[in-house]
C-alpha atoms as a PDB file:
ATOM      1  CA  MET A   1       0.000   0.000   0.000  1.00  0.00           C
ATOM      2  CA  TRP A   2       1.616   3.271  -1.128  1.00  0.00           C
ATOM      3  CA  LEU A   3       0.475   6.828  -0.468  1.00  0.00           C
ATOM      4  CA  HIS A   4       2.398   9.331  -2.604  1.00  0.00           C
ATOM      5  CA  ASP A   5       1.645  13.072  -2.378  1.00  0.00           C
ATOM      6  CA  ALA A   6      -1.682  12.124  -0.792  1.00  0.00           C
ATOM      7  CA  PRO A   7      -2.185  13.916   2.556  1.00  0.00           C
ATOM      8  CA  HIS A   8      -5.155  13.562   4.918  1.00  0.00           C
ATOM      9  CA  TRP A   9      -5.926   9.930   4.139  1.00  0.00           C
ATOM     10  CA  ASN A  10      -7.357   7.473   6.665  1.00  0.00           C
ATOM     11  CA  LEU A  11      -6.297   3.845   6.179  1.00  0.00           C
ATOM     12  CA  THR A  12      -8.468   1.626   8.342  1.00  0.00           C
ATOM     13  CA  GLY A  13      -9.199  -2.027   9.002  1.00  0.00           C
ATOM     14  CA  PHE A  14      -7.343  -4.095   6.408  1.00  0.00           C
ATOM     15  CA  THR A  15      -4.390  -6.500   6.162  1.00  0.00           C
ATOM     16  CA  VAL A  16      -1.211  -6.246   4.103  1.00  0.00           C
ATOM     17  CA  ARG A  17       0.929  -9.370   3.725  1.00  0.00           C
ATOM     18  CA  ASP A  18       3.163 -11.229   1.300  1.00  0.00           C
ATOM     19  CA  SER A  19       4.702  -8.081  -0.186  1.00  0.00           C
ATOM     20  CA  LYS A  20       8.122  -6.425  -0.329  1.00  0.00           C
ATOM     21  CA  LYS A  21       7.032  -3.587   1.971  1.00  0.00           C
ATOM     22  CA  GLY A  22       3.818  -3.116   3.887  1.00  0.00           C
ATOM     23  CA  ILE A  23       2.516   0.485   3.926  1.00  0.00           C
ATOM     24  CA  VAL A  24       4.719   3.342   2.678  1.00  0.00           C
ATOM     25  CA  VAL A  25       3.647   6.957   3.205  1.00  0.00           C
ATOM     26  CA  ASP A  26       5.557   9.459   1.027  1.00  0.00           C
ATOM     27  CA  ASN A  27       5.060  13.226   1.276  1.00  0.00           C
ATOM     28  CA  SER A  28       1.610  12.591   2.726  1.00  0.00           C
ATOM     29  CA  HIS A  29       1.174  14.525   5.950  1.00  0.00           C
ATOM     30  CA  HIS A  30      -1.732  13.967   8.349  1.00  0.00           C
ATOM     31  CA  THR A  31      -2.108  10.312   7.394  1.00  0.00           C
ATOM     32  CA  VAL A  32      -3.922   8.096   9.926  1.00  0.00           C
ATOM     33  CA  ILE A  33      -3.363   4.331   9.862  1.00  0.00           C
ATOM     34  CA  ASP A  34      -5.804   2.692  12.246  1.00  0.00           C
ATOM     35  CA  GLY A  35      -6.621  -0.931  13.012  1.00  0.00           C
ATOM     36  CA  VAL A  36      -4.558  -2.534  10.268  1.00  0.00           C
ATOM     37  CA  ARG A  37      -2.463  -5.695  10.280  1.00  0.00           C
ATOM     38  CA  VAL A  38       0.851  -6.038   8.465  1.00  0.00           C
ATOM     39  CA  ASP A  39       2.668  -9.380   8.448  1.00  0.00           C
ATOM     40  CA  HIS A  40       4.935 -11.589   6.354  1.00  0.00           C
ATOM     41  CA  VAL A  41       6.636  -8.787   4.418  1.00  0.00           C
ATOM     42  CA  GLU A  42      10.142  -8.909   2.970  1.00  0.00           C
ATOM     43  CA  GLU A  43      11.328  -5.578   4.453  1.00  0.00           C
ATOM     44  CA  GLU A  44       9.673  -2.921   6.665  1.00  0.00           C
ATOM     45  CA  ALA A  45       6.013  -2.926   7.638  1.00  0.00           C
ATOM     46  CA  VAL A  46       5.043   0.770   7.948  1.00  0.00           C
ATOM     47  CA  HIS A  47       7.252   3.637   6.744  1.00  0.00           C
ATOM     48  CA  PHE A  48       6.528   7.361   7.170  1.00  0.00           C
ATOM     49  CA  ARG A  49       8.870   9.002   4.655  1.00  0.00           C
ATOM     50  CA  ARG A  50       9.520  12.218   2.676  1.00  0.00           C
ATOM     51  CA  SER A  51       8.264  14.579   5.373  1.00  0.00           C
ATOM     52  CA  SER A  52       5.020  12.737   6.080  1.00  0.00           C
ATOM     53  CA  SER A  53       4.568  14.754   9.249  1.00  0.00           C
ATOM     54  CA  ASP A  54       1.691  14.803  11.759  1.00  0.00           C
ATOM     55  CA  SER A  55       0.733  11.219  10.956  1.00  0.00           C
ATOM     56  CA  VAL A  56      -0.492   8.420  13.226  1.00  0.00           C
ATOM     57  CA  LEU A  57      -0.247   4.638  13.439  1.00  0.00           C
ATOM     58  CA  ARG A  58      -2.583   3.276  16.093  1.00  0.00           C
ATOM     59  CA  ASP A  59      -4.298   0.127  17.344  1.00  0.00           C
ATOM     60  CA  SER A  60      -2.585  -2.039  14.734  1.00  0.00           C
ATOM     61  CA  ALA A  61      -0.665  -5.342  14.718  1.00  0.00           C
ATOM     62  CA  ILE A  62       2.667  -6.059  13.039  1.00  0.00           C
ATOM     63  CA  THR A  63       4.511  -9.396  12.950  1.00  0.00           C
ATOM     64  CA  ASP A  64       6.933 -11.313  10.731  1.00  0.00           C
ATOM     65  CA  THR A  65       8.895  -8.621   8.913  1.00  0.00           C
ATOM     66  CA  GLY A  66      12.255  -8.711   7.163  1.00  0.00           C
ATOM     67  CA  LEU A  67      11.654 -12.142   5.685  1.00  0.00           C
ATOM     68  CA  VAL A  68      14.120 -11.480   2.843  1.00  0.00           C
ATOM     69  CA  GLN A  69      16.259  -8.637   4.250  1.00  0.00           C
ATOM     70  CA  PRO A  70      16.189  -8.972   8.056  1.00  0.00           C
ATOM     71  CA  GLY A  71      18.285  -5.841   8.642  1.00  0.00           C
ATOM     72  CA  TYR A  72      15.594  -3.796   6.881  1.00  0.00           C
ATOM     73  CA  GLY A  73      12.658  -5.462   8.583  1.00  0.00           C
ATOM     74  CA  GLU A  74      11.561  -2.597  10.846  1.00  0.00           C
ATOM     75  CA  ALA A  75       7.985  -2.660  12.077  1.00  0.00           C
ATOM     76  CA  VAL A  76       7.677   1.148  12.087  1.00  0.00           C
ATOM     77  CA  TYR A  77      10.199   3.368  10.318  1.00  0.00           C
ATOM     78  CA  ILE A  78       9.996   7.124  10.875  1.00  0.00           C
ATOM     79  CA  GLY A  79      11.938   9.324   8.442  1.00  0.00           C
ATOM     80  CA  SER A  80      15.019   8.350   6.463  1.00  0.00           C
ATOM     81  CA  ALA A  81      18.693   7.862   7.207  1.00  0.00           C
ATOM     82  CA  SER A  82      20.742  10.916   6.237  1.00  0.00           C
ATOM     83  CA  SER A  83      22.435   8.825   3.555  1.00  0.00           C
ATOM     84  CA  ASN A  84      19.014   8.680   1.844  1.00  0.00           C
ATOM     85  CA  TRP A  85      18.040  12.350   2.175  1.00  0.00           C
ATOM     86  CA  ALA A  86      19.077  13.057  -1.409  1.00  0.00           C
ATOM     87  CA  CYS A  87      16.296  10.683  -2.443  1.00  0.00           C
ATOM     88  CA  HIS A  88      13.721  11.062   0.333  1.00  0.00           C
ATOM     89  CA  GLY A  89      14.388  14.525   1.772  1.00  0.00           C
ATOM     90  CA  ASN A  90      12.196  17.374   0.575  1.00  0.00           C
ATOM     91  CA  SER A  91      12.623  19.950   3.333  1.00  0.00           C
ATOM     92  CA  GLY A  92      16.033  21.537   2.920  1.00  0.00           C
ATOM     93  CA  GLY A  93      17.402  18.127   2.094  1.00  0.00           C
ATOM     94  CA  VAL A  94      16.103  16.654   5.371  1.00  0.00           C
ATOM     95  CA  ASP A  95      13.323  14.103   5.667  1.00  0.00           C
ATOM     96  CA  ARG A  96      11.193  15.969   8.223  1.00  0.00           C
ATOM     97  CA  SER A  97       8.634  13.321   9.067  1.00  0.00           C
ATOM     98  CA  ASP A  98       7.972  15.165  12.326  1.00  0.00           C
ATOM     99  CA  ARG A  99       5.354  14.678  15.041  1.00  0.00           C
ATOM    100  CA  VAL A 100       4.505  11.116  14.011  1.00  0.00           C
ATOM    101  CA  GLN A 101       2.604   9.211  16.716  1.00  0.00           C
ATOM    102  CA  VAL A 102       2.804   5.439  17.274  1.00  0.00           C
ATOM    103  CA  LEU A 103      -0.013   4.565  19.679  1.00  0.00           C
ATOM    104  CA  GLY A 104      -1.384   1.367  21.175  1.00  0.00           C
ATOM    105  CA  ASN A 105       0.014  -1.100  18.659  1.00  0.00           C
ATOM    106  CA  ARG A 106       1.005  -4.762  19.122  1.00  0.00           C
ATOM    107  CA  ILE A 107       4.379  -5.334  17.501  1.00  0.00           C
ATOM    108  CA  GLY A 108       6.165  -8.683  17.266  1.00  0.00           C
ATOM    109  CA  PRO A 109       7.085 -11.434  17.454  1.00  0.00           C
ATOM    110  CA  GLY A 110       9.045 -12.103  14.289  1.00  0.00           C
ATOM    111  CA  VAL A 111      10.018  -8.479  13.665  1.00  0.00           C
ATOM    112  CA  ALA A 112      13.560  -8.832  12.353  1.00  0.00           C
ATOM    113  CA  ALA A 113      14.752  -5.251  12.893  1.00  0.00           C
ATOM    114  CA  GLU A 114      13.720  -2.508  15.346  1.00  0.00           C
ATOM    115  CA  HIS A 115      10.079  -2.312  16.326  1.00  0.00           C
ATOM    116  CA  VAL A 116      10.289   1.468  15.940  1.00  0.00           C
ATOM    117  CA  ASP A 117      13.271   3.035  14.160  1.00  0.00           C
ATOM    118  CA  VAL A 118      13.301   6.822  14.560  1.00  0.00           C
ATOM    119  CA  LYS A 119      15.654   8.422  12.065  1.00  0.00           C
ATOM    120  CA  GLU A 120      17.826  11.508  12.386  1.00  0.00           C
ATOM    121  CA  GLY A 121      16.283  14.780  11.277  1.00  0.00           C
ATOM    122  CA  THR A 122      12.830  13.969  12.675  1.00  0.00           C
ATOM    123  CA  SER A 123      11.432  15.477  15.863  1.00  0.00           C
ATOM    124  CA  ASP A 124       8.649  15.687  18.431  1.00  0.00           C
ATOM    125  CA  GLY A 125       6.948  12.342  17.903  1.00  0.00           C
ATOM    126  CA  VAL A 126       5.156  10.161  20.457  1.00  0.00           C
ATOM    127  CA  ILE A 127       5.576   6.407  21.026  1.00  0.00           C
ATOM    128  CA  ARG A 128       2.946   5.469  23.608  1.00  0.00           C
ATOM    129  CA  GLY A 129       1.054   2.454  24.877  1.00  0.00           C
ATOM    130  CA  ASN A 130       2.559  -0.120  22.545  1.00  0.00           C
ATOM    131  CA  THR A 131       3.379  -3.765  23.273  1.00  0.00           C
ATOM    132  CA  PHE A 132       6.741  -4.977  21.943  1.00  0.00           C
ATOM    133  CA  ASP A 133       7.594  -8.688  21.690  1.00  0.00           C
ATOM    134  CA  GLY A 134      11.253  -8.824  20.695  1.00  0.00           C
ATOM    135  CA  THR A 135      11.411 -12.527  19.918  1.00  0.00           C
ATOM    136  CA  GLY A 136      13.087 -12.851  16.528  1.00  0.00           C
ATOM    137  CA  ILE A 137      15.085  -9.610  16.361  1.00  0.00           C
ATOM    138  CA  SER A 138      17.868 -10.495  13.931  1.00  0.00           C
ATOM    139  CA  GLY A 139      20.816  -8.382  15.064  1.00  0.00           C
ATOM    140  CA  GLN A 140      21.538  -7.512  11.434  1.00  0.00           C
ATOM    141  CA  ASN A 141      22.253  -3.900  10.421  1.00  0.00           C
ATOM    142  CA  SER A 142      22.464  -2.904  14.126  1.00  0.00           C
ATOM    143  CA  ALA A 143      18.951  -4.221  14.804  1.00  0.00           C
ATOM    144  CA  ASP A 144      19.148  -5.229  18.477  1.00  0.00           C
ATOM    145  CA  SER A 145      16.508  -3.213  20.367  1.00  0.00           C
ATOM    146  CA  TRP A 146      12.787  -2.520  20.406  1.00  0.00           C
ATOM    147  CA  VAL A 147      13.207   1.187  19.721  1.00  0.00           C
ATOM    148  CA  ASP A 148      16.190   3.134  18.367  1.00  0.00           C
ATOM    149  CA  VAL A 149      15.820   6.911  18.627  1.00  0.00           C
ATOM    150  CA  LYS A 150      18.049   9.083  16.473  1.00  0.00           C
ATOM    151  CA  GLY A 151      15.497  11.885  16.320  1.00  0.00           C
ATOM    152  CA  THR A 152      14.967  14.720  18.786  1.00  0.00           C
ATOM    153  CA  GLY A 153      12.224  15.578  21.258  1.00  0.00           C
ATOM    154  CA  TYR A 154      10.361  12.253  21.282  1.00  0.00           C
ATOM    155  CA  LEU A 155       8.171  11.089  24.158  1.00  0.00           C
ATOM    156  CA  VAL A 156       8.387   7.332  24.789  1.00  0.00           C
ATOM    157  CA  GLU A 157       5.713   6.528  27.341  1.00  0.00           C
ATOM    158  CA  GLY A 158       3.664   3.687  28.754  1.00  0.00           C
ATOM    159  CA  ASN A 159       5.028   0.927  26.534  1.00  0.00           C
ATOM    160  CA  THR A 160       5.510  -2.715  27.543  1.00  0.00           C
ATOM    161  CA  GLY A 161       8.420  -4.668  26.099  1.00  0.00           C
ATOM    162  CA  THR A 162       9.509  -8.292  26.430  1.00  0.00           C
ATOM    163  CA  PHE A 163      12.209 -10.456  24.907  1.00  0.00           C
ATOM    164  CA  ALA A 164      12.731 -14.197  24.627  1.00  0.00           C
ATOM    165  CA  VAL A 165      15.025 -16.302  22.495  1.00  0.00           C
ATOM    166  CA  PRO A 166      15.581 -16.832  19.654  1.00  0.00           C
ATOM    167  CA  GLY A 167      16.947 -13.463  18.651  1.00  0.00           C
ATOM    168  CA  THR A 168      19.634 -10.866  19.269  1.00  0.00           C
ATOM    169  CA  PHE A 169      18.955  -8.292  21.956  1.00  0.00           C
ATOM    170  CA  ALA A 170      21.297  -5.653  23.369  1.00  0.00           C
ATOM    171  CA  ASN A 171      19.013  -3.092  25.044  1.00  0.00           C
ATOM    172  CA  GLY A 172      15.314  -2.310  25.153  1.00  0.00           C
ATOM    173  CA  TYR A 173      15.564   1.301  23.982  1.00  0.00           C
ATOM    174  CA  GLU A 174      18.632   3.007  22.522  1.00  0.00           C
ATOM    175  CA  THR A 175      19.655   6.445  21.302  1.00  0.00           C
ATOM    176  CA  HIS A 176      22.271   7.270  18.699  1.00  0.00           C
ATOM    177  CA  ASN A 177      23.668  10.572  17.460  1.00  0.00           C
ATOM    178  CA  PRO A 178      24.538  10.401  13.761  1.00  0.00           C
ATOM    179  CA  ALA A 179      26.342  13.503  12.533  1.00  0.00           C
ATOM    180  CA  THR A 180      24.523  15.552   9.879  1.00  0.00           C
ATOM    181  CA  THR A 181      24.951  19.319  10.294  1.00  0.00           C
ATOM    182  CA  PRO A 182      26.138  21.281  13.350  1.00  0.00           C
ATOM    183  CA  SER A 183      22.760  23.027  13.605  1.00  0.00           C
ATOM    184  CA  LEU A 184      20.769  19.790  13.614  1.00  0.00           C
ATOM    185  CA  PRO A 185      21.105  17.779  16.849  1.00  0.00           C
ATOM    186  CA  ASN A 186      20.281  14.104  16.628  1.00  0.00           C
ATOM    187  CA  GLY A 187      19.317  11.666  19.367  1.00  0.00           C
ATOM    188  CA  CYS A 188      18.802  14.433  21.943  1.00  0.00           C
ATOM    189  CA  GLY A 189      15.985  15.776  24.110  1.00  0.00           C
ATOM    190  CA  ASN A 190      13.989  12.555  24.273  1.00  0.00           C
ATOM    191  CA  VAL A 191      11.968  11.499  27.333  1.00  0.00           C
ATOM    192  CA  TRP A 192      11.147   8.019  28.709  1.00  0.00           C
ATOM    193  CA  ARG A 193       8.323   7.659  31.221  1.00  0.00           C
ATOM    194  CA  ASP A 194       6.226   4.756  32.622  1.00  0.00           C
ATOM    195  CA  ASN A 195       7.690   2.052  30.368  1.00  0.00           C
ATOM    196  CA  ARG A 196       7.832  -1.575  31.580  1.00  0.00           C
ATOM    197  CA  SER A 197      10.705  -3.678  30.268  1.00  0.00           C
ATOM    198  CA  ASP A 198      11.437  -7.381  30.649  1.00  0.00           C
ATOM    199  CA  LEU A 199      14.850  -7.992  29.068  1.00  0.00           C
ATOM    200  CA  GLY A 200      14.692 -11.783  29.360  1.00  0.00           C
ATOM    201  CA  GLY A 201      18.052 -12.031  31.140  1.00  0.00           C
ATOM    202  CA  VAL A 202      19.769 -11.033  27.895  1.00  0.00           C
ATOM    203  CA  GLY A 203      19.461  -7.254  27.439  1.00  0.00           C
ATOM    204  CA  GLN A 204      21.948  -4.969  29.154  1.00  0.00           C
ATOM    205  CA  TYR A 205      19.804  -1.907  29.906  1.00  0.00           C
ATOM    206  CA  ALA A 206      16.137  -1.127  29.469  1.00  0.00           C
ATOM    207  CA  ILE A 207      17.150   2.331  28.189  1.00  0.00           C
ATOM    208  CA  ARG A 208      20.689   2.945  26.969  1.00  0.00           C
ATOM    209  CA  ILE A 209      21.616   6.543  26.197  1.00  0.00           C
ATOM    210  CA  THR A 210      24.729   6.969  24.061  1.00  0.00           C
ATOM    211  CA  SER A 211      27.091   9.937  23.826  1.00  0.00           C
ATOM    212  CA  THR A 212      25.557  12.187  26.474  1.00  0.00           C
ATOM    213  CA  SER A 213      28.258  14.782  25.693  1.00  0.00           C
ATOM    214  CA  LYS A 214      26.617  15.374  22.307  1.00  0.00           C
ATOM    215  CA  CYS A 215      23.418  16.663  23.922  1.00  0.00           C
ATOM    216  CA  PRO A 216      24.560  19.320  26.411  1.00  0.00           C
ATOM    217  CA  GLU A 217      21.594  21.623  25.804  1.00  0.00           C
ATOM    218  CA  LEU A 218      18.989  18.934  25.050  1.00  0.00           C
ATOM    219  CA  PRO A 219      19.742  16.004  27.354  1.00  0.00           C
ATOM    220  CA  ASN A 220      17.804  12.773  27.176  1.00  0.00           C
ATOM    221  CA  VAL A 221      15.698  12.131  30.292  1.00  0.00           C
ATOM    222  CA  VAL A 222      14.839   8.768  31.870  1.00  0.00           C
ATOM    223  CA  HIS A 223      12.236   9.061  34.633  1.00  0.00           C
ATOM    224  CA  ALA A 224      12.093   6.845  37.707  1.00  0.00           C
ATOM    225  CA  SER A 225       8.613   5.660  36.701  1.00  0.00           C
ATOM    226  CA  ASN A 226      10.227   3.299  34.182  1.00  0.00           C
ATOM    227  CA  THR A 227      10.698  -0.267  35.462  1.00  0.00           C
ATOM    228  CA  VAL A 228      12.854  -3.190  34.374  1.00  0.00           C
ATOM    229  CA  THR A 229      13.105  -6.890  35.158  1.00  0.00           C
ATOM    230  CA  ARG A 230      15.662  -9.520  34.147  1.00  0.00           C
ATOM    231  CA  ALA A 231      18.250  -7.001  32.957  1.00  0.00           C
ATOM    232  CA  VAL A 232      21.953  -7.798  32.860  1.00  0.00           C
ATOM    233  CA  ASN A 233      22.879  -4.283  34.060  1.00  0.00           C
ATOM    234  CA  GLY A 234      19.735  -2.396  35.032  1.00  0.00           C
ATOM    235  CA  LEU A 235      17.303   0.334  34.054  1.00  0.00           C
ATOM    236  CA  THR A 236      19.621   2.811  32.369  1.00  0.00           C
ATOM    237  CA  ASN A 237      23.241   3.960  32.096  1.00  0.00           C
ATOM    238  CA  ILE A 238      22.495   7.610  33.004  1.00  0.00           C
ATOM    239  CA  PRO A 239      21.209   9.223  36.201  1.00  0.00           C
ATOM    240  CA  VAL A 240      17.477   8.746  36.678  1.00  0.00           C
ATOM    241  CA  THR A 241      15.178  11.758  36.930  1.00  0.00           C
ATOM    242  CA  PRO A 242      12.375  11.624  39.535  1.00  0.00           C
END
């Protein structure tokens, strides 16, 4: 299913399976995807791309992605890697798929890459109330967590994540700070609150924040309301905020 230059569409109540990709939203802001199922796709399930801002994925189910290319089998992909901005960027060269909300979805098992991959250059989205089953994460192309946040100003709240073998699992949630331009911070200013993480005795941290020195003015914040069980190291590698 492909939306191209088609804003303000509502996609509701259908299934996509047995395809290369599931649902791709290109330059189509204010798209709402509600109550769909995406499974058994060769690469990613749902991709908000080319500045498809102010869009929503809610109350949907995603399993069995990355059947042909596991490293590209994300359940939800927000934005584009900076290496693809020449193709998918249309806002000063940046893919500004901003303010995308991922709400109340059931994701996994069998999702081969991240359950939500938030790309650099995007900002101010919400990832809330989702259930992540990490069984089957492949570990290919750095896919080793439920959520990888390279964007800025995201709220990650009220999610429940679990992991069980088989699969590769490093941490529940991760941040990264890919360099793009000096004026564009990446992987900064994100907030985690009220998330419950069961790392299956395999994952190191529920929330691992990388390169804190790169976010001096927009630090990432992990609140004490987050909980973790069966972690190798604990809740997080940074000081917890009440």
